Amino acid sequence: MNALAEAAAVASIEDTAHSAATVAFVERESRWLHTQLAELPGLRVSAPTANFLFAETARSTPLRDFAESRHTLIRDCRGWPGLEATGVRVAVRRRWENEILVQLFREFLCES
């Protein structure tokens, strides 16, 4: 690690205000996104524990393809080692991005 990278790393570790704001943001947005997705039929959404959510659905691959056709990437978790359920993983983003994601899920579930 060079001196510049080290200085940046130390500064980011010491910026506790930014860290606290980031944690609060992720907690707030992940709760909101969880609530929105959990209301949709055909999904079982795990409680958020990080900056992403896992939604169980037997149609993970078609959902991923549908999202991709609308320029949105979600992770198809089908076949992941140690994961018995099929589903998708989505990142928690800014509210306007989360709203687009929820609308995408609604469209997929209504069209399928």
PDB file of N, CA and C in Angstrom:
ATOM      1  N   MET A   1       0.858  -1.165   0.000  1.00  0.00           N
ATOM      2  CA  MET A   1       0.000   0.000   0.000  1.00  0.00           C
ATOM      3  C   MET A   1       0.909   1.234   0.000  1.00  0.00           C
ATOM      4  N   ASN A   2       0.589   2.185  -0.865  1.00  0.00           N
ATOM      5  CA  ASN A   2       1.391   3.397  -0.892  1.00  0.00           C
ATOM      6  C   ASN A   2       0.875   4.395   0.155  1.00  0.00           C
ATOM      7  N   ALA A   3       1.611   5.450   0.358  1.00  0.00           N
ATOM      8  CA  ALA A   3       1.279   6.418   1.401  1.00  0.00           C
ATOM      9  C   ALA A   3      -0.064   7.102   1.153  1.00  0.00           C
ATOM     10  N   LEU A   4      -0.372   7.381  -0.092  1.00  0.00           N
ATOM     11  CA  LEU A   4      -1.643   8.027  -0.411  1.00  0.00           C
ATOM     12  C   LEU A   4      -2.820   7.109  -0.091  1.00  0.00           C
ATOM     13  N   ALA A   5      -2.717   5.847  -0.469  1.00  0.00           N
ATOM     14  CA  ALA A   5      -3.776   4.886  -0.175  1.00  0.00           C
ATOM     15  C   ALA A   5      -3.925   4.691   1.331  1.00  0.00           C
ATOM     16  N   GLU A   6      -2.822   4.653   2.032  1.00  0.00           N
ATOM     17  CA  GLU A   6      -2.859   4.511   3.490  1.00  0.00           C
ATOM     18  C   GLU A   6      -3.551   5.706   4.127  1.00  0.00           C
ATOM     19  N   ALA A   7      -3.224   6.922   3.674  1.00  0.00           N
ATOM     20  CA  ALA A   7      -3.848   8.132   4.218  1.00  0.00           C
ATOM     21  C   ALA A   7      -5.352   8.133   3.964  1.00  0.00           C
ATOM     22  N   ALA A   8      -5.766   7.694   2.784  1.00  0.00           N
ATOM     23  CA  ALA A   8      -7.191   7.624   2.461  1.00  0.00           C
ATOM     24  C   ALA A   8      -7.899   6.601   3.346  1.00  0.00           C
ATOM     25  N   ALA A   9      -7.267   5.457   3.568  1.00  0.00           N
ATOM     26  CA  ALA A   9      -7.853   4.422   4.411  1.00  0.00           C
ATOM     27  C   ALA A   9      -8.012   4.911   5.845  1.00  0.00           C
ATOM     28  N   VAL A  10      -7.009   5.543   6.372  1.00  0.00           N
ATOM     29  CA  VAL A  10      -7.070   6.065   7.742  1.00  0.00           C
ATOM     30  C   VAL A  10      -8.152   7.133   7.855  1.00  0.00           C
ATOM     31  N   ALA A  11      -8.223   8.034   6.873  1.00  0.00           N
ATOM     32  CA  ALA A  11      -9.238   9.096   6.901  1.00  0.00           C
ATOM     33  C   ALA A  11     -10.644   8.507   6.879  1.00  0.00           C
ATOM     34  N   SER A  12     -10.858   7.477   6.072  1.00  0.00           N
ATOM     35  CA  SER A  12     -12.196   6.888   6.004  1.00  0.00           C
ATOM     36  C   SER A  12     -12.561   6.175   7.299  1.00  0.00           C
ATOM     37  N   ILE A  13     -11.591   5.552   7.938  1.00  0.00           N
ATOM     38  CA  ILE A  13     -11.843   4.879   9.222  1.00  0.00           C
ATOM     39  C   ILE A  13     -12.181   5.892  10.308  1.00  0.00           C
ATOM     40  N   GLU A  14     -11.531   7.038  10.250  1.00  0.00           N
ATOM     41  CA  GLU A  14     -11.735   8.056  11.277  1.00  0.00           C
ATOM     42  C   GLU A  14     -12.980   8.904  11.052  1.00  0.00           C
ATOM     43  N   ASP A  15     -13.607   8.807   9.897  1.00  0.00           N
ATOM     44  CA  ASP A  15     -14.799   9.609   9.597  1.00  0.00           C
ATOM     45  C   ASP A  15     -16.035   8.926  10.180  1.00  0.00           C
ATOM     46  N   THR A  16     -16.182   9.009  11.476  1.00  0.00           N
ATOM     47  CA  THR A  16     -17.281   8.314  12.157  1.00  0.00           C
ATOM     48  C   THR A  16     -18.647   8.906  11.823  1.00  0.00           C
ATOM     49  N   ALA A  17     -18.711  10.194  11.499  1.00  0.00           N
ATOM     50  CA  ALA A  17     -19.989  10.805  11.139  1.00  0.00           C
ATOM     51  C   ALA A  17     -20.513  10.209   9.837  1.00  0.00           C
ATOM     52  N   HIS A  18     -19.633  10.060   8.868  1.00  0.00           N
ATOM     53  CA  HIS A  18     -20.042   9.461   7.594  1.00  0.00           C
ATOM     54  C   HIS A  18     -20.440   7.999   7.791  1.00  0.00           C
ATOM     55  N   SER A  19     -19.682   7.298   8.592  1.00  0.00           N
ATOM     56  CA  SER A  19     -19.986   5.899   8.871  1.00  0.00           C
ATOM     57  C   SER A  19     -21.365   5.756   9.520  1.00  0.00           C
ATOM     58  N   ALA A  20     -21.654   6.584  10.505  1.00  0.00           N
ATOM     59  CA  ALA A  20     -22.953   6.531  11.194  1.00  0.00           C
ATOM     60  C   ALA A  20     -24.084   6.880  10.237  1.00  0.00           C
ATOM     61  N   ALA A  21     -23.867   7.879   9.390  1.00  0.00           N
ATOM     62  CA  ALA A  21     -24.900   8.266   8.424  1.00  0.00           C
ATOM     63  C   ALA A  21     -25.149   7.148   7.421  1.00  0.00           C
ATOM     64  N   THR A  22     -24.107   6.477   7.010  1.00  0.00           N
ATOM     65  CA  THR A  22     -24.242   5.377   6.061  1.00  0.00           C
ATOM     66  C   THR A  22     -25.012   4.217   6.680  1.00  0.00           C
ATOM     67  N   VAL A  23     -24.694   3.870   7.910  1.00  0.00           N
ATOM     68  CA  VAL A  23     -25.397   2.789   8.603  1.00  0.00           C
ATOM     69  C   VAL A  23     -26.881   3.134   8.749  1.00  0.00           C
ATOM     70  N   ALA A  24     -27.188   4.367   9.140  1.00  0.00           N
ATOM     71  CA  ALA A  24     -28.580   4.797   9.301  1.00  0.00           C
ATOM     72  C   ALA A  24     -29.319   4.743   7.963  1.00  0.00           C
ATOM     73  N   PHE A  25     -28.658   5.196   6.900  1.00  0.00           N
ATOM     74  CA  PHE A  25     -29.258   5.170   5.567  1.00  0.00           C
ATOM     75  C   PHE A  25     -29.589   3.735   5.155  1.00  0.00           C
ATOM     76  N   VAL A  26     -28.636   2.829   5.295  1.00  0.00           N
ATOM     77  CA  VAL A  26     -28.847   1.435   4.886  1.00  0.00           C
ATOM     78  C   VAL A  26     -29.956   0.798   5.721  1.00  0.00           C
ATOM     79  N   GLU A  27     -29.981   1.054   7.009  1.00  0.00           N
ATOM     80  CA  GLU A  27     -31.043   0.496   7.860  1.00  0.00           C
ATOM     81  C   GLU A  27     -32.412   1.005   7.426  1.00  0.00           C
ATOM     82  N   ARG A  28     -32.523   2.307   7.184  1.00  0.00           N
ATOM     83  CA  ARG A  28     -33.806   2.905   6.794  1.00  0.00           C
ATOM     84  C   ARG A  28     -34.269   2.373   5.435  1.00  0.00           C
ATOM     85  N   GLU A  29     -33.382   2.399   4.458  1.00  0.00           N
ATOM     86  CA  GLU A  29     -33.761   1.972   3.113  1.00  0.00           C
ATOM     87  C   GLU A  29     -33.995   0.462   3.025  1.00  0.00           C
ATOM     88  N   SER A  30     -33.229  -0.319   3.757  1.00  0.00           N
ATOM     89  CA  SER A  30     -33.437  -1.768   3.701  1.00  0.00           C
ATOM     90  C   SER A  30     -34.771  -2.147   4.345  1.00  0.00           C
ATOM     91  N   ARG A  31     -35.151  -1.453   5.418  1.00  0.00           N
ATOM     92  CA  ARG A  31     -36.478  -1.708   6.020  1.00  0.00           C
ATOM     93  C   ARG A  31     -37.587  -1.350   5.032  1.00  0.00           C
ATOM     94  N   TRP A  32     -37.451  -0.182   4.383  1.00  0.00           N
ATOM     95  CA  TRP A  32     -38.464   0.255   3.428  1.00  0.00           C
ATOM     96  C   TRP A  32     -38.568  -0.736   2.268  1.00  0.00           C
ATOM     97  N   LEU A  33     -37.427  -1.116   1.697  1.00  0.00           N
ATOM     98  CA  LEU A  33     -37.426  -2.038   0.566  1.00  0.00           C
ATOM     99  C   LEU A  33     -37.983  -3.397   0.977  1.00  0.00           C
ATOM    100  N   HIS A  34     -37.623  -3.868   2.137  1.00  0.00           N
ATOM    101  CA  HIS A  34     -38.143  -5.140   2.639  1.00  0.00           C
ATOM    102  C   HIS A  34     -39.664  -5.090   2.742  1.00  0.00           C
ATOM    103  N   THR A  35     -40.190  -4.030   3.312  1.00  0.00           N
ATOM    104  CA  THR A  35     -41.641  -3.878   3.464  1.00  0.00           C
ATOM    105  C   THR A  35     -42.337  -3.898   2.110  1.00  0.00           C
ATOM    106  N   GLN A  36     -41.792  -3.170   1.153  1.00  0.00           N
ATOM    107  CA  GLN A  36     -42.399  -3.099  -0.176  1.00  0.00           C
ATOM    108  C   GLN A  36     -42.381  -4.460  -0.880  1.00  0.00           C
ATOM    109  N   LEU A  37     -41.248  -5.125  -0.855  1.00  0.00           N
ATOM    110  CA  LEU A  37     -41.140  -6.409  -1.550  1.00  0.00           C
ATOM    111  C   LEU A  37     -41.926  -7.508  -0.846  1.00  0.00           C
ATOM    112  N   ALA A  38     -41.983  -7.463   0.482  1.00  0.00           N
ATOM    113  CA  ALA A  38     -42.691  -8.502   1.244  1.00  0.00           C
ATOM    114  C   ALA A  38     -44.192  -8.481   0.974  1.00  0.00           C
ATOM    115  N   GLU A  39     -44.716  -7.371   0.503  1.00  0.00           N
ATOM    116  CA  GLU A  39     -46.140  -7.268   0.193  1.00  0.00           C
ATOM    117  C   GLU A  39     -46.505  -7.913  -1.140  1.00  0.00           C
ATOM    118  N   LEU A  40     -45.513  -8.222  -1.962  1.00  0.00           N
ATOM    119  CA  LEU A  40     -45.775  -8.746  -3.298  1.00  0.00           C
ATOM    120  C   LEU A  40     -46.027 -10.248  -3.262  1.00  0.00           C
ATOM    121  N   PRO A  41     -47.011 -10.701  -4.037  1.00  0.00           N
ATOM    122  CA  PRO A  41     -47.300 -12.138  -4.068  1.00  0.00           C
ATOM    123  C   PRO A  41     -46.186 -12.906  -4.774  1.00  0.00           C
ATOM    124  N   GLY A  42     -45.932 -14.099  -4.287  1.00  0.00           N
ATOM    125  CA  GLY A  42     -44.940 -14.952  -4.933  1.00  0.00           C
ATOM    126  C   GLY A  42     -43.512 -14.731  -4.479  1.00  0.00           C
ATOM    127  N   LEU A  43     -43.333 -13.858  -3.492  1.00  0.00           N
ATOM    128  CA  LEU A  43     -42.002 -13.609  -2.943  1.00  0.00           C
ATOM    129  C   LEU A  43     -42.008 -13.856  -1.453  1.00  0.00           C
ATOM    130  N   ARG A  44     -40.918 -14.379  -0.970  1.00  0.00           N
ATOM    131  CA  ARG A  44     -40.685 -14.472   0.478  1.00  0.00           C
ATOM    132  C   ARG A  44     -39.360 -13.778   0.720  1.00  0.00           C
ATOM    133  N   VAL A  45     -39.412 -12.641   1.375  1.00  0.00           N
ATOM    134  CA  VAL A  45     -38.234 -11.794   1.516  1.00  0.00           C
ATOM    135  C   VAL A  45     -37.653 -11.949   2.915  1.00  0.00           C
ATOM    136  N   SER A  46     -36.372 -12.271   2.966  1.00  0.00           N
ATOM    137  CA  SER A  46     -35.683 -12.403   4.250  1.00  0.00           C
ATOM    138  C   SER A  46     -35.476 -11.025   4.868  1.00  0.00           C
ATOM    139  N   ALA A  47     -35.450 -11.004   6.193  1.00  0.00           N
ATOM    140  CA  ALA A  47     -35.201  -9.747   6.899  1.00  0.00           C
ATOM    141  C   ALA A  47     -33.817  -9.230   6.531  1.00  0.00           C
ATOM    142  N   PRO A  48     -33.701  -7.930   6.343  1.00  0.00           N
ATOM    143  CA  PRO A  48     -32.395  -7.375   5.950  1.00  0.00           C
ATOM    144  C   PRO A  48     -31.381  -7.464   7.085  1.00  0.00           C
ATOM    145  N   THR A  49     -30.163  -7.823   6.719  1.00  0.00           N
ATOM    146  CA  THR A  49     -29.066  -7.852   7.685  1.00  0.00           C
ATOM    147  C   THR A  49     -27.836  -7.132   7.156  1.00  0.00           C
ATOM    148  N   ALA A  50     -27.929  -6.650   5.928  1.00  0.00           N
ATOM    149  CA  ALA A  50     -26.804  -5.954   5.294  1.00  0.00           C
ATOM    150  C   ALA A  50     -27.372  -4.997   4.254  1.00  0.00           C
ATOM    151  N   ASN A  51     -26.566  -4.611   3.293  1.00  0.00           N
ATOM    152  CA  ASN A  51     -27.035  -3.686   2.269  1.00  0.00           C
ATOM    153  C   ASN A  51     -27.607  -4.413   1.049  1.00  0.00           C
ATOM    154  N   PHE A  52     -28.182  -5.588   1.287  1.00  0.00           N
ATOM    155  CA  PHE A  52     -28.884  -6.307   0.245  1.00  0.00           C
ATOM    156  C   PHE A  52     -29.969  -7.161   0.882  1.00  0.00           C
ATOM    157  N   LEU A  53     -30.927  -7.597   0.044  1.00  0.00           N
ATOM    158  CA  LEU A  53     -32.027  -8.442   0.497  1.00  0.00           C
ATOM    159  C   LEU A  53     -32.079  -9.693  -0.364  1.00  0.00           C
ATOM    160  N   PHE A  54     -32.520 -10.781   0.221  1.00  0.00           N
ATOM    161  CA  PHE A  54     -32.727 -12.027  -0.504  1.00  0.00           C
ATOM    162  C   PHE A  54     -34.222 -12.265  -0.592  1.00  0.00           C
ATOM    163  N   ALA A  55     -34.713 -12.458  -1.821  1.00  0.00           N
ATOM    164  CA  ALA A  55     -36.131 -12.731  -2.044  1.00  0.00           C
ATOM    165  C   ALA A  55     -36.261 -14.110  -2.668  1.00  0.00           C
ATOM    166  N   GLU A  56     -36.942 -14.997  -1.967  1.00  0.00           N
ATOM    167  CA  GLU A  56     -37.138 -16.350  -2.485  1.00  0.00           C
ATOM    168  C   GLU A  56     -38.233 -16.344  -3.536  1.00  0.00           C
ATOM    169  N   THR A  57     -37.947 -16.983  -4.651  1.00  0.00           N
ATOM    170  CA  THR A  57     -38.921 -17.200  -5.713  1.00  0.00           C
ATOM    171  C   THR A  57     -38.433 -18.342  -6.577  1.00  0.00           C
ATOM    172  N   ALA A  58     -39.352 -19.186  -6.963  1.00  0.00           N
ATOM    173  CA  ALA A  58     -38.994 -20.296  -7.846  1.00  0.00           C
ATOM    174  C   ALA A  58     -38.683 -19.793  -9.244  1.00  0.00           C
ATOM    175  N   ARG A  59     -39.034 -18.546  -9.538  1.00  0.00           N
ATOM    176  CA  ARG A  59     -38.828 -17.973 -10.869  1.00  0.00           C
ATOM    177  C   ARG A  59     -37.666 -16.983 -10.877  1.00  0.00           C
ATOM    178  N   SER A  60     -36.589 -17.340 -10.212  1.00  0.00           N
ATOM    179  CA  SER A  60     -35.455 -16.417 -10.095  1.00  0.00           C
ATOM    180  C   SER A  60     -34.813 -16.091 -11.439  1.00  0.00           C
ATOM    181  N   THR A  61     -34.661 -17.082 -12.291  1.00  0.00           N
ATOM    182  CA  THR A  61     -34.006 -16.834 -13.578  1.00  0.00           C
ATOM    183  C   THR A  61     -34.877 -15.966 -14.502  1.00  0.00           C
ATOM    184  N   PRO A  62     -36.173 -16.271 -14.658  1.00  0.00           N
ATOM    185  CA  PRO A  62     -37.000 -15.362 -15.468  1.00  0.00           C
ATOM    186  C   PRO A  62     -37.054 -13.940 -14.885  1.00  0.00           C
ATOM    187  N   LEU A  63     -37.068 -13.825 -13.569  1.00  0.00           N
ATOM    188  CA  LEU A  63     -37.071 -12.506 -12.942  1.00  0.00           C
ATOM    189  C   LEU A  63     -35.780 -11.765 -13.255  1.00  0.00           C
ATOM    190  N   ARG A  64     -34.658 -12.470 -13.162  1.00  0.00           N
ATOM    191  CA  ARG A  64     -33.378 -11.850 -13.499  1.00  0.00           C
ATOM    192  C   ARG A  64     -33.358 -11.389 -14.950  1.00  0.00           C
ATOM    193  N   ASP A  65     -33.856 -12.228 -15.850  1.00  0.00           N
ATOM    194  CA  ASP A  65     -33.882 -11.871 -17.271  1.00  0.00           C
ATOM    195  C   ASP A  65     -34.799 -10.683 -17.527  1.00  0.00           C
ATOM    196  N   PHE A  66     -35.944 -10.650 -16.860  1.00  0.00           N
ATOM    197  CA  PHE A  66     -36.886  -9.539 -16.979  1.00  0.00           C
ATOM    198  C   PHE A  66     -36.221  -8.241 -16.518  1.00  0.00           C
ATOM    199  N   ALA A  67     -35.549  -8.300 -15.390  1.00  0.00           N
ATOM    200  CA  ALA A  67     -34.867  -7.110 -14.866  1.00  0.00           C
ATOM    201  C   ALA A  67     -33.774  -6.652 -15.828  1.00  0.00           C
ATOM    202  N   GLU A  68     -33.013  -7.598 -16.329  1.00  0.00           N
ATOM    203  CA  GLU A  68     -31.931  -7.248 -17.248  1.00  0.00           C
ATOM    204  C   GLU A  68     -32.472  -6.586 -18.518  1.00  0.00           C
ATOM    205  N   SER A  69     -33.620  -7.050 -18.999  1.00  0.00           N
ATOM    206  CA  SER A  69     -34.208  -6.456 -20.206  1.00  0.00           C
ATOM    207  C   SER A  69     -34.625  -5.009 -19.962  1.00  0.00           C
ATOM    208  N   ARG A  70     -34.728  -4.629 -18.688  1.00  0.00           N
ATOM    209  CA  ARG A  70     -35.061  -3.255 -18.312  1.00  0.00           C
ATOM    210  C   ARG A  70     -33.859  -2.527 -17.699  1.00  0.00           C
ATOM    211  N   HIS A  71     -32.677  -3.031 -18.032  1.00  0.00           N
ATOM    212  CA  HIS A  71     -31.405  -2.397 -17.637  1.00  0.00           C
ATOM    213  C   HIS A  71     -31.213  -2.318 -16.121  1.00  0.00           C
ATOM    214  N   THR A  72     -31.689  -3.351 -15.433  1.00  0.00           N
ATOM    215  CA  THR A  72     -31.518  -3.450 -13.991  1.00  0.00           C
ATOM    216  C   THR A  72     -30.897  -4.803 -13.685  1.00  0.00           C
ATOM    217  N   LEU A  73     -29.850  -4.796 -12.897  1.00  0.00           N
ATOM    218  CA  LEU A  73     -29.176  -6.049 -12.566  1.00  0.00           C
ATOM    219  C   LEU A  73     -29.577  -6.520 -11.177  1.00  0.00           C
ATOM    220  N   ILE A  74     -29.992  -7.769 -11.115  1.00  0.00           N
ATOM    221  CA  ILE A  74     -30.222  -8.440  -9.837  1.00  0.00           C
ATOM    222  C   ILE A  74     -29.488  -9.766  -9.903  1.00  0.00           C
ATOM    223  N   ARG A  75     -29.124 -10.296  -8.766  1.00  0.00           N
ATOM    224  CA  ARG A  75     -28.329 -11.521  -8.708  1.00  0.00           C
ATOM    225  C   ARG A  75     -29.249 -12.724  -8.587  1.00  0.00           C
ATOM    226  N   ASP A  76     -29.188 -13.615  -9.553  1.00  0.00           N
ATOM    227  CA  ASP A  76     -29.908 -14.886  -9.496  1.00  0.00           C
ATOM    228  C   ASP A  76     -29.091 -15.822  -8.616  1.00  0.00           C
ATOM    229  N   CYS A  77     -29.664 -16.281  -7.536  1.00  0.00           N
ATOM    230  CA  CYS A  77     -28.936 -17.109  -6.570  1.00  0.00           C
ATOM    231  C   CYS A  77     -29.193 -18.601  -6.766  1.00  0.00           C
ATOM    232  N   ARG A  78     -29.830 -18.967  -7.852  1.00  0.00           N
ATOM    233  CA  ARG A  78     -30.103 -20.380  -8.129  1.00  0.00           C
ATOM    234  C   ARG A  78     -28.784 -21.151  -8.178  1.00  0.00           C
ATOM    235  N   GLY A  79     -28.732 -22.248  -7.439  1.00  0.00           N
ATOM    236  CA  GLY A  79     -27.561 -23.108  -7.459  1.00  0.00           C
ATOM    237  C   GLY A  79     -26.396 -22.657  -6.592  1.00  0.00           C
ATOM    238  N   TRP A  80     -26.598 -21.644  -5.771  1.00  0.00           N
ATOM    239  CA  TRP A  80     -25.503 -21.223  -4.887  1.00  0.00           C
ATOM    240  C   TRP A  80     -25.228 -22.317  -3.868  1.00  0.00           C
ATOM    241  N   PRO A  81     -23.969 -22.652  -3.636  1.00  0.00           N
ATOM    242  CA  PRO A  81     -23.634 -23.684  -2.644  1.00  0.00           C
ATOM    243  C   PRO A  81     -24.179 -23.313  -1.260  1.00  0.00           C
ATOM    244  N   GLY A  82     -24.820 -24.270  -0.627  1.00  0.00           N
ATOM    245  CA  GLY A  82     -25.338 -24.066   0.721  1.00  0.00           C
ATOM    246  C   GLY A  82     -26.672 -23.355   0.777  1.00  0.00           C
ATOM    247  N   LEU A  83     -27.197 -22.959  -0.362  1.00  0.00           N
ATOM    248  CA  LEU A  83     -28.478 -22.252  -0.397  1.00  0.00           C
ATOM    249  C   LEU A  83     -29.513 -23.184  -1.000  1.00  0.00           C
ATOM    250  N   GLU A  84     -30.454 -23.614  -0.170  1.00  0.00           N
ATOM    251  CA  GLU A  84     -31.458 -24.562  -0.638  1.00  0.00           C
ATOM    252  C   GLU A  84     -32.568 -23.878  -1.425  1.00  0.00           C
ATOM    253  N   ALA A  85     -32.907 -22.653  -1.059  1.00  0.00           N
ATOM    254  CA  ALA A  85     -33.981 -21.933  -1.731  1.00  0.00           C
ATOM    255  C   ALA A  85     -33.474 -21.295  -3.017  1.00  0.00           C
ATOM    256  N   THR A  86     -34.374 -21.092  -3.957  1.00  0.00           N
ATOM    257  CA  THR A  86     -34.025 -20.324  -5.146  1.00  0.00           C
ATOM    258  C   THR A  86     -34.557 -18.919  -4.960  1.00  0.00           C
ATOM    259  N   GLY A  87     -33.821 -17.972  -5.438  1.00  0.00           N
ATOM    260  CA  GLY A  87     -34.250 -16.596  -5.286  1.00  0.00           C
ATOM    261  C   GLY A  87     -33.261 -15.639  -5.892  1.00  0.00           C
ATOM    262  N   VAL A  88     -33.463 -14.379  -5.559  1.00  0.00           N
ATOM    263  CA  VAL A  88     -32.607 -13.321  -6.078  1.00  0.00           C
ATOM    264  C   VAL A  88     -32.109 -12.464  -4.918  1.00  0.00           C
ATOM    265  N   ARG A  89     -30.979 -11.853  -5.157  1.00  0.00           N
ATOM    266  CA  ARG A  89     -30.424 -10.915  -4.193  1.00  0.00           C
ATOM    267  C   ARG A  89     -30.419  -9.545  -4.847  1.00  0.00           C
ATOM    268  N   VAL A  90     -30.922  -8.556  -4.108  1.00  0.00           N
ATOM    269  CA  VAL A  90     -30.954  -7.189  -4.627  1.00  0.00           C
ATOM    270  C   VAL A  90     -30.228  -6.266  -3.665  1.00  0.00           C
ATOM    271  N   ALA A  91     -29.581  -5.279  -4.229  1.00  0.00           N
ATOM    272  CA  ALA A  91     -28.853  -4.295  -3.419  1.00  0.00           C
ATOM    273  C   ALA A  91     -29.804  -3.216  -2.928  1.00  0.00           C
ATOM    274  N   VAL A  92     -29.535  -2.723  -1.752  1.00  0.00           N
ATOM    275  CA  VAL A  92     -30.259  -1.573  -1.213  1.00  0.00           C
ATOM    276  C   VAL A  92     -29.589  -0.328  -1.769  1.00  0.00           C
ATOM    277  N   ARG A  93     -30.378   0.490  -2.423  1.00  0.00           N
ATOM    278  CA  ARG A  93     -29.845   1.686  -3.078  1.00  0.00           C
ATOM    279  C   ARG A  93     -30.573   2.924  -2.542  1.00  0.00           C
ATOM    280  N   ARG A  94     -30.437   4.018  -3.278  1.00  0.00           N
ATOM    281  CA  ARG A  94     -31.154   5.244  -2.907  1.00  0.00           C
ATOM    282  C   ARG A  94     -32.645   5.040  -3.142  1.00  0.00           C
ATOM    283  N   ARG A  95     -33.478   5.838  -2.459  1.00  0.00           N
ATOM    284  CA  ARG A  95     -34.928   5.613  -2.508  1.00  0.00           C
ATOM    285  C   ARG A  95     -35.455   5.571  -3.943  1.00  0.00           C
ATOM    286  N   TRP A  96     -35.071   6.516  -4.771  1.00  0.00           N
ATOM    287  CA  TRP A  96     -35.620   6.526  -6.137  1.00  0.00           C
ATOM    288  C   TRP A  96     -35.236   5.268  -6.904  1.00  0.00           C
ATOM    289  N   GLU A  97     -34.068   4.727  -6.653  1.00  0.00           N
ATOM    290  CA  GLU A  97     -33.648   3.481  -7.299  1.00  0.00           C
ATOM    291  C   GLU A  97     -34.421   2.298  -6.733  1.00  0.00           C
ATOM    292  N   ASN A  98     -34.659   2.307  -5.426  1.00  0.00           N
ATOM    293  CA  ASN A  98     -35.443   1.249  -4.799  1.00  0.00           C
ATOM    294  C   ASN A  98     -36.883   1.265  -5.300  1.00  0.00           C
ATOM    295  N   GLU A  99     -37.424   2.450  -5.532  1.00  0.00           N
ATOM    296  CA  GLU A  99     -38.786   2.555  -6.069  1.00  0.00           C
ATOM    297  C   GLU A  99     -38.863   1.941  -7.469  1.00  0.00           C
ATOM    298  N   ILE A 100     -37.856   2.179  -8.287  1.00  0.00           N
ATOM    299  CA  ILE A 100     -37.811   1.579  -9.630  1.00  0.00           C
ATOM    300  C   ILE A 100     -37.747   0.059  -9.516  1.00  0.00           C
ATOM    301  N   LEU A 101     -36.941  -0.435  -8.583  1.00  0.00           N
ATOM    302  CA  LEU A 101     -36.822  -1.883  -8.385  1.00  0.00           C
ATOM    303  C   LEU A 101     -38.157  -2.492  -7.966  1.00  0.00           C
ATOM    304  N   VAL A 102     -38.844  -1.866  -7.038  1.00  0.00           N
ATOM    305  CA  VAL A 102     -40.146  -2.376  -6.583  1.00  0.00           C
ATOM    306  C   VAL A 102     -41.131  -2.400  -7.745  1.00  0.00           C
ATOM    307  N   GLN A 103     -41.144  -1.346  -8.554  1.00  0.00           N
ATOM    308  CA  GLN A 103     -42.036  -1.300  -9.710  1.00  0.00           C
ATOM    309  C   GLN A 103     -41.699  -2.416 -10.696  1.00  0.00           C
ATOM    310  N   LEU A 104     -40.427  -2.689 -10.884  1.00  0.00           N
ATOM    311  CA  LEU A 104     -39.994  -3.760 -11.770  1.00  0.00           C
ATOM    312  C   LEU A 104     -40.518  -5.112 -11.269  1.00  0.00           C
ATOM    313  N   PHE A 105     -40.384  -5.360  -9.968  1.00  0.00           N
ATOM    314  CA  PHE A 105     -40.908  -6.598  -9.388  1.00  0.00           C
ATOM    315  C   PHE A 105     -42.413  -6.689  -9.590  1.00  0.00           C
ATOM    316  N   ARG A 106     -43.131  -5.583  -9.376  1.00  0.00           N
ATOM    317  CA  ARG A 106     -44.591  -5.584  -9.568  1.00  0.00           C
ATOM    318  C   ARG A 106     -44.947  -5.938 -11.009  1.00  0.00           C
ATOM    319  N   GLU A 107     -44.252  -5.322 -11.954  1.00  0.00           N
ATOM    320  CA  GLU A 107     -44.521  -5.609 -13.370  1.00  0.00           C
ATOM    321  C   GLU A 107     -44.269  -7.074 -13.683  1.00  0.00           C
ATOM    322  N   PHE A 108     -43.183  -7.612 -13.204  1.00  0.00           N
ATOM    323  CA  PHE A 108     -42.865  -9.017 -13.481  1.00  0.00           C
ATOM    324  C   PHE A 108     -43.938  -9.931 -12.898  1.00  0.00           C
ATOM    325  N   LEU A 109     -44.316  -9.696 -11.682  1.00  0.00           N
ATOM    326  CA  LEU A 109     -45.271 -10.584 -11.010  1.00  0.00           C
ATOM    327  C   LEU A 109     -46.670 -10.471 -11.623  1.00  0.00           C
ATOM    328  N   CYS A 110     -46.997  -9.314 -12.183  1.00  0.00           N
ATOM    329  CA  CYS A 110     -48.306  -9.142 -12.824  1.00  0.00           C
ATOM    330  C   CYS A 110     -48.327  -9.721 -14.231  1.00  0.00           C
ATOM    331  N   GLU A 111     -47.190  -9.687 -14.936  1.00  0.00           N
ATOM    332  CA  GLU A 111     -47.129 -10.190 -16.312  1.00  0.00           C
ATOM    333  C   GLU A 111     -46.954 -11.703 -16.362  1.00  0.00           C
ATOM    334  N   SER A 112     -46.397 -12.282 -15.320  1.00  0.00           N
ATOM    335  CA  SER A 112     -46.083 -13.718 -15.342  1.00  0.00           C
ATOM    336  C   SER A 112     -47.276 -14.558 -14.951  1.00  0.00           C
TER     337      SER A 112
END
